[in-house]
């Protein structure tokens, strides 16, 4: 189980894992952690492996509670006050856990496809400061920042162009930016942390 990245943050931790194990191997790892989950049925074996991998990764971080979801698909731990978030991209999974604040995490594998969908989430303000020399990288970080804010909110009904605005940042392999969430006359802001690792964009936000 090669964990690509495991990092402690204040009162929390996150990890990213490239999943190479089979379903049977993942089930065996869960048993080693003394976790016996009620495994749902998936027609696609890859989806089952992803489901199991998320629970294995949480177990590696010391989280053994059952993961349940609200009506909008936001995960939380059953009977536990900690906050969690989950992301996946191809054969990678990522999880984050925090003891005090709501969190959001997103991972994306680099590629040109982000340009084809950028009109769905980039607003006029962000267009003004995106650097053409690092456009692909900044698009992925903007997308990841908005995904994180969406996951923190956890109630759906967010327009990525109208309600979420990422503040200007210069691209580096590791950095911080800010996202402002505006809706119904209210405004909230979150710091967003990002890393670029082996063609993988990792973003996470903490609602502190």
N, C-alpha and C. Protein backbone atom coordinates (compact mmCIF):
# COMPACT_ATOMS: atom_id res chain seq x y z
N UNK A 1 0.85 -1.19 0.00
CA UNK A 1 0.00 0.00 0.00
C UNK A 1 0.88 1.24 0.00
N UNK A 2 1.28 1.72 -1.16
CA UNK A 2 2.19 2.87 -1.22
C UNK A 2 1.45 4.20 -1.04
N UNK A 3 1.48 4.77 0.17
CA UNK A 3 0.88 6.08 0.39
C UNK A 3 1.79 7.12 -0.25
N UNK A 4 1.23 7.88 -1.18
CA UNK A 4 2.01 8.88 -1.91
C UNK A 4 2.37 10.06 -1.02
N UNK A 5 1.44 10.44 -0.17
CA UNK A 5 1.65 11.61 0.66
C UNK A 5 0.81 11.46 1.93
N UNK A 6 1.41 11.73 3.07
CA UNK A 6 0.71 11.75 4.34
C UNK A 6 1.23 12.94 5.12
N UNK A 7 0.33 13.82 5.52
CA UNK A 7 0.77 15.08 6.09
C UNK A 7 -0.12 15.47 7.27
N UNK A 8 0.52 15.87 8.35
CA UNK A 8 -0.20 16.34 9.52
C UNK A 8 -0.46 17.83 9.39
N UNK A 9 -1.70 18.24 9.66
CA UNK A 9 -2.05 19.64 9.73
C UNK A 9 -2.55 19.91 11.14
N UNK A 10 -2.71 21.16 11.53
CA UNK A 10 -3.11 21.46 12.89
C UNK A 10 -4.45 20.79 13.21
N UNK A 11 -4.44 19.90 14.21
CA UNK A 11 -5.62 19.16 14.66
C UNK A 11 -6.24 18.31 13.55
N UNK A 12 -5.40 17.87 12.60
CA UNK A 12 -5.91 17.04 11.53
C UNK A 12 -4.81 16.38 10.74
N UNK A 13 -5.21 15.64 9.72
CA UNK A 13 -4.26 14.91 8.88
C UNK A 13 -4.93 14.57 7.55
N UNK A 14 -4.12 14.52 6.50
CA UNK A 14 -4.64 14.03 5.23
C UNK A 14 -3.62 13.10 4.59
N UNK A 15 -4.11 12.29 3.66
CA UNK A 15 -3.24 11.35 2.97
C UNK A 15 -3.76 11.09 1.56
N UNK A 16 -2.83 10.78 0.67
CA UNK A 16 -3.13 10.44 -0.72
C UNK A 16 -2.49 9.09 -1.01
N UNK A 17 -3.24 8.23 -1.69
CA UNK A 17 -2.78 6.86 -1.91
C UNK A 17 -3.08 6.45 -3.34
N UNK A 18 -2.09 5.87 -4.00
CA UNK A 18 -2.30 5.27 -5.31
C UNK A 18 -2.66 3.80 -5.09
N UNK A 19 -3.87 3.44 -5.50
CA UNK A 19 -4.40 2.10 -5.21
C UNK A 19 -3.96 1.12 -6.29
N UNK A 20 -3.21 0.12 -5.90
CA UNK A 20 -2.77 -0.93 -6.82
C UNK A 20 -3.29 -2.30 -6.39
N UNK A 21 -3.90 -2.36 -5.20
CA UNK A 21 -4.36 -3.63 -4.65
C UNK A 21 -5.66 -4.11 -5.31
N UNK A 22 -5.88 -5.41 -5.26
CA UNK A 22 -7.13 -5.99 -5.72
C UNK A 22 -8.19 -5.84 -4.62
N UNK A 23 -9.43 -6.13 -4.98
CA UNK A 23 -10.52 -6.09 -4.00
C UNK A 23 -10.23 -7.04 -2.84
N UNK A 24 -9.78 -8.25 -3.12
CA UNK A 24 -9.49 -9.22 -2.06
C UNK A 24 -8.36 -8.72 -1.15
N UNK A 25 -7.36 -8.09 -1.74
CA UNK A 25 -6.25 -7.56 -0.93
C UNK A 25 -6.73 -6.42 -0.04
N UNK A 26 -7.61 -5.58 -0.57
CA UNK A 26 -8.15 -4.48 0.23
C UNK A 26 -9.00 -5.00 1.39
N UNK A 27 -9.80 -6.02 1.11
CA UNK A 27 -10.59 -6.62 2.18
C UNK A 27 -9.69 -7.21 3.27
N UNK A 28 -8.60 -7.80 2.88
CA UNK A 28 -7.67 -8.38 3.85
C UNK A 28 -7.03 -7.28 4.70
N UNK A 29 -6.69 -6.14 4.08
CA UNK A 29 -6.10 -5.03 4.84
C UNK A 29 -7.11 -4.52 5.87
N UNK A 30 -8.38 -4.40 5.47
CA UNK A 30 -9.41 -3.97 6.42
C UNK A 30 -9.51 -4.94 7.59
N UNK A 31 -9.44 -6.22 7.31
CA UNK A 31 -9.49 -7.22 8.39
C UNK A 31 -8.31 -7.05 9.34
N UNK A 32 -7.14 -6.73 8.78
CA UNK A 32 -5.96 -6.52 9.62
C UNK A 32 -6.16 -5.33 10.55
N UNK A 33 -6.94 -4.36 10.11
CA UNK A 33 -7.28 -3.21 10.95
C UNK A 33 -8.48 -3.50 11.86
N UNK A 34 -8.98 -4.73 11.79
CA UNK A 34 -10.15 -5.15 12.57
C UNK A 34 -11.39 -4.33 12.21
N UNK A 35 -11.51 -4.04 10.93
CA UNK A 35 -12.69 -3.35 10.41
C UNK A 35 -13.44 -4.32 9.51
N UNK A 36 -14.69 -4.55 9.84
CA UNK A 36 -15.50 -5.50 9.09
C UNK A 36 -16.72 -4.74 8.55
N UNK A 37 -16.51 -4.07 7.42
CA UNK A 37 -17.54 -3.20 6.85
C UNK A 37 -18.60 -4.01 6.12
N UNK A 38 -19.81 -3.46 6.10
CA UNK A 38 -20.87 -4.02 5.27
C UNK A 38 -20.62 -3.54 3.84
N UNK A 39 -20.06 -4.42 3.04
CA UNK A 39 -19.62 -4.02 1.70
C UNK A 39 -20.82 -3.95 0.77
N UNK A 40 -21.06 -2.80 0.14
CA UNK A 40 -22.19 -2.68 -0.78
C UNK A 40 -21.89 -3.37 -2.10
N UNK A 41 -22.93 -3.55 -2.88
CA UNK A 41 -22.76 -4.16 -4.20
C UNK A 41 -22.46 -3.09 -5.24
N UNK A 42 -21.42 -3.31 -6.03
CA UNK A 42 -21.08 -2.44 -7.15
C UNK A 42 -20.95 -3.31 -8.40
N UNK A 43 -21.58 -2.91 -9.47
CA UNK A 43 -21.42 -3.63 -10.73
C UNK A 43 -20.00 -3.49 -11.27
N UNK A 44 -19.40 -2.33 -11.01
CA UNK A 44 -18.05 -2.06 -11.49
C UNK A 44 -17.03 -2.39 -10.39
N UNK A 45 -16.15 -3.37 -10.61
CA UNK A 45 -15.16 -3.72 -9.59
C UNK A 45 -14.26 -2.56 -9.20
N UNK A 46 -14.00 -1.65 -10.14
CA UNK A 46 -13.15 -0.50 -9.83
C UNK A 46 -13.81 0.40 -8.79
N UNK A 47 -15.14 0.55 -8.85
CA UNK A 47 -15.85 1.35 -7.86
C UNK A 47 -15.80 0.69 -6.48
N UNK A 48 -15.89 -0.64 -6.47
CA UNK A 48 -15.78 -1.36 -5.19
C UNK A 48 -14.38 -1.18 -4.61
N UNK A 49 -13.35 -1.30 -5.44
CA UNK A 49 -11.98 -1.11 -4.97
C UNK A 49 -11.80 0.30 -4.41
N UNK A 50 -12.38 1.29 -5.08
CA UNK A 50 -12.29 2.67 -4.61
C UNK A 50 -12.97 2.82 -3.25
N UNK A 51 -14.15 2.23 -3.10
CA UNK A 51 -14.91 2.29 -1.85
C UNK A 51 -14.09 1.69 -0.71
N UNK A 52 -13.50 0.53 -0.97
CA UNK A 52 -12.69 -0.13 0.05
C UNK A 52 -11.42 0.66 0.35
N UNK A 53 -10.81 1.21 -0.69
CA UNK A 53 -9.56 1.94 -0.51
C UNK A 53 -9.74 3.16 0.39
N UNK A 54 -10.86 3.84 0.24
CA UNK A 54 -11.14 5.00 1.10
C UNK A 54 -11.16 4.56 2.56
N UNK A 55 -11.80 3.45 2.85
CA UNK A 55 -11.90 2.98 4.23
C UNK A 55 -10.57 2.48 4.75
N UNK A 56 -9.77 1.88 3.88
CA UNK A 56 -8.43 1.47 4.29
C UNK A 56 -7.59 2.70 4.63
N UNK A 57 -7.69 3.73 3.81
CA UNK A 57 -6.88 4.93 4.04
C UNK A 57 -7.30 5.63 5.33
N UNK A 58 -8.59 5.70 5.59
CA UNK A 58 -9.04 6.25 6.87
C UNK A 58 -8.49 5.41 8.03
N UNK A 59 -8.51 4.10 7.88
CA UNK A 59 -7.99 3.23 8.93
C UNK A 59 -6.51 3.50 9.19
N UNK A 60 -5.77 3.75 8.11
CA UNK A 60 -4.35 4.07 8.26
C UNK A 60 -4.15 5.35 9.06
N UNK A 61 -5.14 6.25 9.01
CA UNK A 61 -5.08 7.50 9.78
C UNK A 61 -5.71 7.35 11.16
N UNK A 62 -6.10 6.12 11.50
CA UNK A 62 -6.63 5.87 12.83
C UNK A 62 -8.12 6.07 12.96
N UNK A 63 -8.82 6.23 11.83
CA UNK A 63 -10.27 6.44 11.85
C UNK A 63 -10.95 5.10 11.57
N UNK A 64 -11.78 4.65 12.50
CA UNK A 64 -12.42 3.34 12.35
C UNK A 64 -13.94 3.42 12.37
N UNK A 65 -14.48 4.60 12.50
CA UNK A 65 -15.93 4.74 12.52
C UNK A 65 -16.51 4.50 11.13
N UNK A 66 -17.77 4.14 11.12
CA UNK A 66 -18.49 3.95 9.87
C UNK A 66 -18.69 5.31 9.19
N UNK A 67 -18.52 5.33 7.86
CA UNK A 67 -18.73 6.55 7.09
C UNK A 67 -20.16 6.55 6.57
N UNK A 68 -20.89 7.61 6.86
CA UNK A 68 -22.26 7.77 6.38
C UNK A 68 -22.35 9.07 5.60
N UNK A 69 -23.41 9.20 4.81
CA UNK A 69 -23.54 10.35 3.91
C UNK A 69 -24.88 11.03 4.12
N UNK A 70 -24.88 12.37 3.97
CA UNK A 70 -26.15 13.08 4.04
C UNK A 70 -26.84 13.02 2.67
N UNK A 71 -27.97 13.68 2.55
CA UNK A 71 -28.76 13.59 1.32
C UNK A 71 -28.06 14.22 0.12
N UNK A 72 -27.04 15.04 0.37
CA UNK A 72 -26.29 15.67 -0.71
C UNK A 72 -24.98 14.96 -1.00
N UNK A 73 -24.75 13.83 -0.34
CA UNK A 73 -23.54 13.04 -0.57
C UNK A 73 -22.34 13.45 0.25
N UNK A 74 -22.54 14.33 1.24
CA UNK A 74 -21.42 14.75 2.08
C UNK A 74 -21.14 13.68 3.14
N UNK A 75 -19.89 13.20 3.23
CA UNK A 75 -19.58 12.13 4.20
C UNK A 75 -19.35 12.69 5.61
N UNK A 76 -19.69 11.90 6.60
CA UNK A 76 -19.31 12.20 7.98
C UNK A 76 -19.18 10.88 8.73
N UNK A 77 -18.59 10.95 9.91
CA UNK A 77 -18.35 9.75 10.69
C UNK A 77 -19.50 9.50 11.65
N UNK A 78 -19.94 8.29 11.70
CA UNK A 78 -21.06 7.93 12.57
C UNK A 78 -20.61 7.96 14.03
N UNK A 79 -21.34 8.75 14.83
CA UNK A 79 -21.06 8.80 16.25
C UNK A 79 -19.73 9.40 16.62
N UNK A 80 -19.19 10.27 15.78
CA UNK A 80 -17.86 10.83 16.04
C UNK A 80 -17.85 12.29 15.63
N UNK A 81 -17.23 13.14 16.43
CA UNK A 81 -17.25 14.57 16.17
C UNK A 81 -16.26 15.05 15.12
N UNK A 82 -15.38 14.20 14.65
CA UNK A 82 -14.39 14.64 13.66
C UNK A 82 -15.05 14.90 12.31
N UNK A 83 -14.43 15.78 11.53
CA UNK A 83 -14.91 16.11 10.19
C UNK A 83 -14.01 15.45 9.15
N UNK A 84 -14.63 14.99 8.06
CA UNK A 84 -13.86 14.29 7.03
C UNK A 84 -14.28 14.77 5.64
N UNK A 85 -13.41 14.49 4.68
CA UNK A 85 -13.72 14.72 3.28
C UNK A 85 -12.96 13.68 2.46
N UNK A 86 -13.47 13.39 1.27
CA UNK A 86 -12.95 12.31 0.42
C UNK A 86 -12.84 12.80 -1.02
N UNK A 87 -11.82 12.34 -1.72
CA UNK A 87 -11.72 12.61 -3.15
C UNK A 87 -11.05 11.43 -3.84
N UNK A 88 -11.29 11.32 -5.14
CA UNK A 88 -10.63 10.27 -5.92
C UNK A 88 -10.43 10.74 -7.36
N UNK A 89 -9.41 10.23 -7.99
CA UNK A 89 -9.13 10.52 -9.39
C UNK A 89 -8.38 9.34 -9.98
N UNK A 90 -9.06 8.66 -10.92
CA UNK A 90 -8.51 7.42 -11.49
C UNK A 90 -8.17 6.44 -10.36
N UNK A 91 -6.89 6.05 -10.24
CA UNK A 91 -6.54 5.06 -9.23
C UNK A 91 -5.99 5.70 -7.95
N UNK A 92 -6.22 6.99 -7.77
CA UNK A 92 -5.81 7.67 -6.55
C UNK A 92 -7.02 7.95 -5.67
N UNK A 93 -6.82 7.86 -4.37
CA UNK A 93 -7.83 8.31 -3.41
C UNK A 93 -7.14 9.21 -2.41
N UNK A 94 -7.92 10.13 -1.84
CA UNK A 94 -7.41 11.04 -0.82
C UNK A 94 -8.47 11.23 0.25
N UNK A 95 -8.04 11.34 1.49
CA UNK A 95 -8.96 11.62 2.59
C UNK A 95 -8.32 12.65 3.50
N UNK A 96 -9.17 13.39 4.20
CA UNK A 96 -8.70 14.36 5.19
C UNK A 96 -9.62 14.24 6.40
N UNK A 97 -9.04 14.39 7.59
CA UNK A 97 -9.81 14.32 8.83
C UNK A 97 -9.35 15.46 9.73
N UNK A 98 -10.31 16.10 10.39
CA UNK A 98 -9.99 17.22 11.27
C UNK A 98 -10.86 17.13 12.51
N UNK A 99 -10.28 17.39 13.67
CA UNK A 99 -11.00 17.22 14.93
C UNK A 99 -11.88 18.40 15.29
N UNK A 100 -11.72 19.53 14.59
CA UNK A 100 -12.43 20.74 15.03
C UNK A 100 -13.25 21.41 13.94
N UNK A 101 -12.76 21.44 12.71
CA UNK A 101 -13.41 22.21 11.66
C UNK A 101 -13.82 21.35 10.47
N UNK A 102 -14.82 21.82 9.76
CA UNK A 102 -15.21 21.20 8.50
C UNK A 102 -14.05 21.33 7.50
N UNK A 103 -13.90 20.31 6.67
CA UNK A 103 -12.80 20.29 5.71
C UNK A 103 -13.28 19.83 4.34
N UNK A 104 -12.51 20.16 3.34
CA UNK A 104 -12.76 19.67 2.00
C UNK A 104 -11.44 19.33 1.33
N UNK A 105 -11.41 18.27 0.54
CA UNK A 105 -10.19 17.88 -0.18
C UNK A 105 -10.55 17.51 -1.61
N UNK A 106 -9.62 17.76 -2.53
CA UNK A 106 -9.82 17.38 -3.92
C UNK A 106 -8.48 16.99 -4.52
N UNK A 107 -8.48 15.94 -5.34
CA UNK A 107 -7.30 15.56 -6.10
C UNK A 107 -7.69 15.41 -7.57
N UNK A 108 -6.78 15.82 -8.45
CA UNK A 108 -7.01 15.73 -9.88
C UNK A 108 -5.70 15.39 -10.57
N UNK A 109 -5.76 14.47 -11.52
CA UNK A 109 -4.59 14.14 -12.33
C UNK A 109 -4.51 15.14 -13.48
N UNK A 110 -3.33 15.68 -13.70
CA UNK A 110 -3.13 16.72 -14.71
C UNK A 110 -3.44 16.23 -16.12
N UNK A 111 -3.98 17.12 -16.93
CA UNK A 111 -4.29 16.81 -18.32
C UNK A 111 -4.90 18.03 -18.99
N UNK A 112 -5.08 17.95 -20.28
CA UNK A 112 -5.62 19.10 -21.02
C UNK A 112 -7.13 19.21 -20.94
N UNK A 113 -7.80 18.21 -20.40
CA UNK A 113 -9.26 18.21 -20.39
C UNK A 113 -9.84 19.37 -19.58
N UNK A 114 -9.06 19.89 -18.64
CA UNK A 114 -9.55 20.98 -17.80
C UNK A 114 -9.94 22.19 -18.63
N UNK A 115 -9.26 22.38 -19.78
CA UNK A 115 -9.55 23.53 -20.63
C UNK A 115 -10.93 23.40 -21.29
N UNK A 116 -11.36 22.18 -21.53
CA UNK A 116 -12.65 21.97 -22.21
C UNK A 116 -13.84 22.29 -21.31
N UNK A 117 -13.63 22.25 -20.01
CA UNK A 117 -14.74 22.49 -19.09
C UNK A 117 -14.56 23.77 -18.28
N UNK A 118 -13.50 24.52 -18.54
CA UNK A 118 -13.20 25.69 -17.71
C UNK A 118 -14.33 26.72 -17.74
N UNK A 119 -15.07 26.80 -18.85
CA UNK A 119 -16.16 27.78 -18.95
C UNK A 119 -17.26 27.51 -17.93
N UNK A 120 -17.29 26.31 -17.37
CA UNK A 120 -18.33 25.96 -16.41
C UNK A 120 -18.03 26.45 -14.99
N UNK A 121 -16.75 26.78 -14.72
CA UNK A 121 -16.42 27.17 -13.35
C UNK A 121 -15.56 28.42 -13.23
N UNK A 122 -15.00 28.92 -14.32
CA UNK A 122 -14.19 30.13 -14.27
C UNK A 122 -15.07 31.35 -14.50
N UNK A 123 -14.98 32.35 -13.62
CA UNK A 123 -15.76 33.57 -13.79
C UNK A 123 -14.90 34.70 -14.36
N UNK A 124 -15.52 35.84 -14.61
CA UNK A 124 -14.82 36.95 -15.26
C UNK A 124 -13.68 37.48 -14.39
N UNK A 125 -13.86 37.52 -13.08
CA UNK A 125 -12.80 37.99 -12.19
C UNK A 125 -11.56 37.10 -12.32
N UNK A 126 -11.74 35.80 -12.31
CA UNK A 126 -10.61 34.87 -12.38
C UNK A 126 -9.93 34.92 -13.74
N UNK A 127 -10.69 35.15 -14.80
CA UNK A 127 -10.09 35.27 -16.13
C UNK A 127 -9.06 36.38 -16.19
N UNK A 128 -9.27 37.44 -15.40
CA UNK A 128 -8.41 38.61 -15.47
C UNK A 128 -7.01 38.34 -14.95
N UNK A 129 -6.85 37.42 -14.01
CA UNK A 129 -5.54 37.24 -13.40
C UNK A 129 -4.87 35.91 -13.72
N UNK A 130 -5.54 35.01 -14.40
CA UNK A 130 -4.90 33.74 -14.77
C UNK A 130 -3.72 34.01 -15.69
N UNK A 131 -2.58 33.44 -15.36
CA UNK A 131 -1.34 33.60 -16.11
C UNK A 131 -1.31 32.56 -17.24
N UNK A 132 -1.23 33.00 -18.47
CA UNK A 132 -1.25 32.08 -19.61
C UNK A 132 -0.10 31.07 -19.57
N UNK A 133 1.01 31.46 -18.96
CA UNK A 133 2.16 30.54 -18.88
C UNK A 133 1.88 29.37 -17.92
N UNK A 134 0.95 29.56 -16.99
CA UNK A 134 0.63 28.51 -16.02
C UNK A 134 -0.88 28.26 -15.99
N UNK A 135 -1.53 28.43 -17.13
CA UNK A 135 -2.98 28.37 -17.17
C UNK A 135 -3.52 27.01 -16.73
N UNK A 136 -2.93 25.95 -17.24
CA UNK A 136 -3.42 24.61 -16.89
C UNK A 136 -3.32 24.38 -15.39
N UNK A 137 -2.17 24.72 -14.82
CA UNK A 137 -1.97 24.51 -13.39
C UNK A 137 -2.96 25.34 -12.57
N UNK A 138 -3.13 26.60 -12.95
CA UNK A 138 -4.04 27.45 -12.18
C UNK A 138 -5.50 27.01 -12.33
N UNK A 139 -5.86 26.53 -13.50
CA UNK A 139 -7.23 26.03 -13.68
C UNK A 139 -7.50 24.85 -12.75
N UNK A 140 -6.55 23.94 -12.63
CA UNK A 140 -6.75 22.79 -11.74
C UNK A 140 -6.85 23.23 -10.28
N UNK A 141 -6.05 24.20 -9.89
CA UNK A 141 -6.10 24.64 -8.50
C UNK A 141 -7.40 25.40 -8.22
N UNK A 142 -7.84 26.22 -9.17
CA UNK A 142 -9.12 26.92 -9.01
C UNK A 142 -10.26 25.90 -8.89
N UNK A 143 -10.26 24.93 -9.79
CA UNK A 143 -11.28 23.88 -9.72
C UNK A 143 -11.24 23.17 -8.36
N UNK A 144 -10.03 22.78 -7.94
CA UNK A 144 -9.89 22.08 -6.66
C UNK A 144 -10.35 22.93 -5.50
N UNK A 145 -10.03 24.21 -5.52
CA UNK A 145 -10.46 25.12 -4.45
C UNK A 145 -11.98 25.18 -4.37
N UNK A 146 -12.63 25.23 -5.52
CA UNK A 146 -14.09 25.32 -5.55
C UNK A 146 -14.73 23.99 -5.12
N UNK A 147 -14.11 22.90 -5.49
CA UNK A 147 -14.60 21.60 -5.02
C UNK A 147 -14.50 21.53 -3.49
N UNK A 148 -13.40 22.01 -2.94
CA UNK A 148 -13.23 21.97 -1.48
C UNK A 148 -14.29 22.81 -0.78
N UNK A 149 -14.54 24.01 -1.30
CA UNK A 149 -15.56 24.87 -0.69
C UNK A 149 -16.94 24.24 -0.80
N UNK A 150 -17.22 23.63 -1.94
CA UNK A 150 -18.50 22.94 -2.14
C UNK A 150 -18.67 21.82 -1.12
N UNK A 151 -17.61 21.08 -0.87
CA UNK A 151 -17.68 19.97 0.07
C UNK A 151 -17.83 20.47 1.51
N UNK A 152 -17.19 21.57 1.83
CA UNK A 152 -17.35 22.14 3.17
C UNK A 152 -18.80 22.57 3.37
N UNK A 153 -19.37 23.25 2.39
CA UNK A 153 -20.76 23.71 2.48
C UNK A 153 -21.69 22.52 2.65
N UNK A 154 -21.56 21.53 1.80
CA UNK A 154 -22.22 20.25 1.98
C UNK A 154 -23.71 20.22 1.79
N UNK A 155 -24.29 21.26 1.19
CA UNK A 155 -25.74 21.29 1.04
C UNK A 155 -26.18 21.44 -0.41
N UNK A 156 -25.25 21.28 -1.35
CA UNK A 156 -25.59 21.38 -2.77
C UNK A 156 -25.97 22.80 -3.17
N UNK A 157 -26.55 22.95 -4.35
CA UNK A 157 -27.09 24.22 -4.86
C UNK A 157 -26.05 25.34 -4.86
N UNK A 158 -24.85 25.04 -5.33
CA UNK A 158 -23.81 26.05 -5.49
C UNK A 158 -23.43 26.15 -6.95
N UNK A 159 -23.42 27.37 -7.48
CA UNK A 159 -22.94 27.62 -8.83
C UNK A 159 -21.46 27.97 -8.74
N UNK A 160 -20.62 27.18 -9.39
CA UNK A 160 -19.17 27.35 -9.26
C UNK A 160 -18.69 28.68 -9.85
N UNK A 161 -19.42 29.25 -10.79
CA UNK A 161 -19.02 30.53 -11.37
C UNK A 161 -19.57 31.71 -10.57
N UNK A 162 -20.82 31.62 -10.15
CA UNK A 162 -21.49 32.76 -9.52
C UNK A 162 -21.27 32.85 -8.01
N UNK A 163 -21.12 31.72 -7.35
CA UNK A 163 -21.06 31.73 -5.89
C UNK A 163 -19.65 31.59 -5.32
N UNK A 164 -18.69 31.15 -6.13
CA UNK A 164 -17.35 30.88 -5.63
C UNK A 164 -16.31 31.67 -6.42
N UNK A 165 -15.43 32.37 -5.69
CA UNK A 165 -14.43 33.23 -6.33
C UNK A 165 -13.07 32.99 -5.70
N UNK A 166 -12.13 32.50 -6.50
CA UNK A 166 -10.77 32.24 -6.02
C UNK A 166 -9.95 33.51 -6.21
N UNK A 167 -9.21 33.86 -5.18
CA UNK A 167 -8.39 35.06 -5.22
C UNK A 167 -7.06 34.80 -5.95
N UNK A 168 -6.46 35.85 -6.52
CA UNK A 168 -5.25 35.67 -7.34
C UNK A 168 -4.11 34.99 -6.57
N UNK A 169 -3.39 34.14 -7.28
CA UNK A 169 -2.20 33.50 -6.72
C UNK A 169 -1.24 33.19 -7.86
N UNK A 170 0.05 33.20 -7.54
CA UNK A 170 1.08 32.77 -8.49
C UNK A 170 1.31 31.28 -8.29
N UNK A 171 1.38 30.54 -9.39
CA UNK A 171 1.54 29.09 -9.27
C UNK A 171 2.94 28.74 -8.78
N UNK A 172 2.97 27.87 -7.78
CA UNK A 172 4.18 27.22 -7.29
C UNK A 172 3.81 25.76 -7.04
N UNK A 173 4.79 24.93 -6.83
CA UNK A 173 4.47 23.52 -6.60
C UNK A 173 3.75 23.31 -5.27
N UNK A 174 3.84 24.28 -4.39
CA UNK A 174 3.12 24.23 -3.13
C UNK A 174 2.78 25.65 -2.72
N UNK A 175 1.52 25.90 -2.38
CA UNK A 175 1.15 27.26 -2.05
C UNK A 175 -0.21 27.36 -1.37
N UNK A 176 -0.65 28.60 -1.20
CA UNK A 176 -1.90 28.91 -0.53
C UNK A 176 -2.64 29.96 -1.33
N UNK A 177 -3.95 29.82 -1.42
CA UNK A 177 -4.78 30.87 -1.98
C UNK A 177 -6.01 31.01 -1.09
N UNK A 178 -6.97 31.80 -1.52
CA UNK A 178 -8.18 32.04 -0.74
C UNK A 178 -9.38 31.93 -1.65
N UNK A 179 -10.47 31.40 -1.13
CA UNK A 179 -11.71 31.34 -1.90
C UNK A 179 -12.80 32.03 -1.10
N UNK A 180 -13.63 32.81 -1.80
CA UNK A 180 -14.75 33.50 -1.18
C UNK A 180 -16.04 32.88 -1.69
N UNK A 181 -16.90 32.53 -0.75
CA UNK A 181 -18.19 31.92 -1.06
C UNK A 181 -19.27 32.96 -0.78
N UNK A 182 -19.96 33.38 -1.82
CA UNK A 182 -21.01 34.38 -1.69
C UNK A 182 -22.34 33.79 -2.14
N UNK A 183 -23.33 33.89 -1.25
CA UNK A 183 -24.66 33.41 -1.60
C UNK A 183 -25.68 34.01 -0.64
N UNK A 184 -26.81 34.44 -1.19
CA UNK A 184 -27.91 34.97 -0.38
C UNK A 184 -27.46 36.10 0.54
N UNK A 185 -26.59 36.97 0.02
CA UNK A 185 -26.14 38.12 0.79
C UNK A 185 -25.10 37.83 1.84
N UNK A 186 -24.67 36.60 1.94
CA UNK A 186 -23.65 36.23 2.91
C UNK A 186 -22.33 35.94 2.19
N UNK A 187 -21.22 36.14 2.91
CA UNK A 187 -19.90 35.88 2.34
C UNK A 187 -19.03 35.15 3.37
N UNK A 188 -18.42 34.06 2.95
CA UNK A 188 -17.48 33.31 3.78
C UNK A 188 -16.19 33.15 3.00
N UNK A 189 -15.08 33.09 3.67
CA UNK A 189 -13.81 32.88 2.99
C UNK A 189 -13.05 31.74 3.66
N UNK A 190 -12.35 30.97 2.84
CA UNK A 190 -11.54 29.86 3.32
C UNK A 190 -10.15 29.95 2.71
N UNK A 191 -9.15 29.63 3.50
CA UNK A 191 -7.82 29.43 2.94
C UNK A 191 -7.79 28.08 2.24
N UNK A 192 -7.14 28.03 1.09
CA UNK A 192 -7.00 26.78 0.34
C UNK A 192 -5.52 26.49 0.17
N UNK A 193 -5.12 25.31 0.55
CA UNK A 193 -3.74 24.87 0.43
C UNK A 193 -3.63 23.92 -0.76
N UNK A 194 -2.59 24.05 -1.53
CA UNK A 194 -2.45 23.18 -2.70
C UNK A 194 -1.02 22.67 -2.83
N UNK A 195 -0.92 21.50 -3.45
CA UNK A 195 0.38 20.91 -3.79
C UNK A 195 0.28 20.26 -5.16
N UNK A 196 1.40 20.28 -5.87
CA UNK A 196 1.49 19.60 -7.15
C UNK A 196 2.54 18.51 -7.00
N UNK A 197 2.12 17.25 -7.14
CA UNK A 197 2.99 16.12 -6.86
C UNK A 197 2.81 15.05 -7.92
N UNK A 198 3.85 14.82 -8.73
CA UNK A 198 3.82 13.74 -9.72
C UNK A 198 2.57 13.78 -10.61
N UNK A 199 2.32 14.95 -11.21
CA UNK A 199 1.16 15.16 -12.09
C UNK A 199 -0.17 15.09 -11.35
N UNK A 200 -0.15 15.20 -10.05
CA UNK A 200 -1.37 15.18 -9.25
C UNK A 200 -1.52 16.51 -8.51
N UNK A 201 -2.68 17.14 -8.71
CA UNK A 201 -3.00 18.37 -8.00
C UNK A 201 -3.80 18.01 -6.75
N UNK A 202 -3.31 18.46 -5.60
CA UNK A 202 -3.95 18.19 -4.31
C UNK A 202 -4.35 19.53 -3.72
N UNK A 203 -5.62 19.71 -3.42
CA UNK A 203 -6.07 20.93 -2.75
C UNK A 203 -6.90 20.54 -1.54
N UNK A 204 -6.78 21.32 -0.48
CA UNK A 204 -7.64 21.11 0.68
C UNK A 204 -7.90 22.44 1.38
N UNK A 205 -9.04 22.52 2.03
CA UNK A 205 -9.44 23.74 2.73
C UNK A 205 -10.00 23.36 4.08
N UNK A 206 -9.81 24.26 5.04
CA UNK A 206 -10.29 24.08 6.41
C UNK A 206 -11.16 25.28 6.76
N UNK A 207 -12.35 25.03 7.24
CA UNK A 207 -13.28 26.11 7.55
C UNK A 207 -13.01 26.67 8.95
N UNK A 208 -11.80 27.20 9.14
CA UNK A 208 -11.41 27.73 10.46
C UNK A 208 -11.76 29.20 10.57
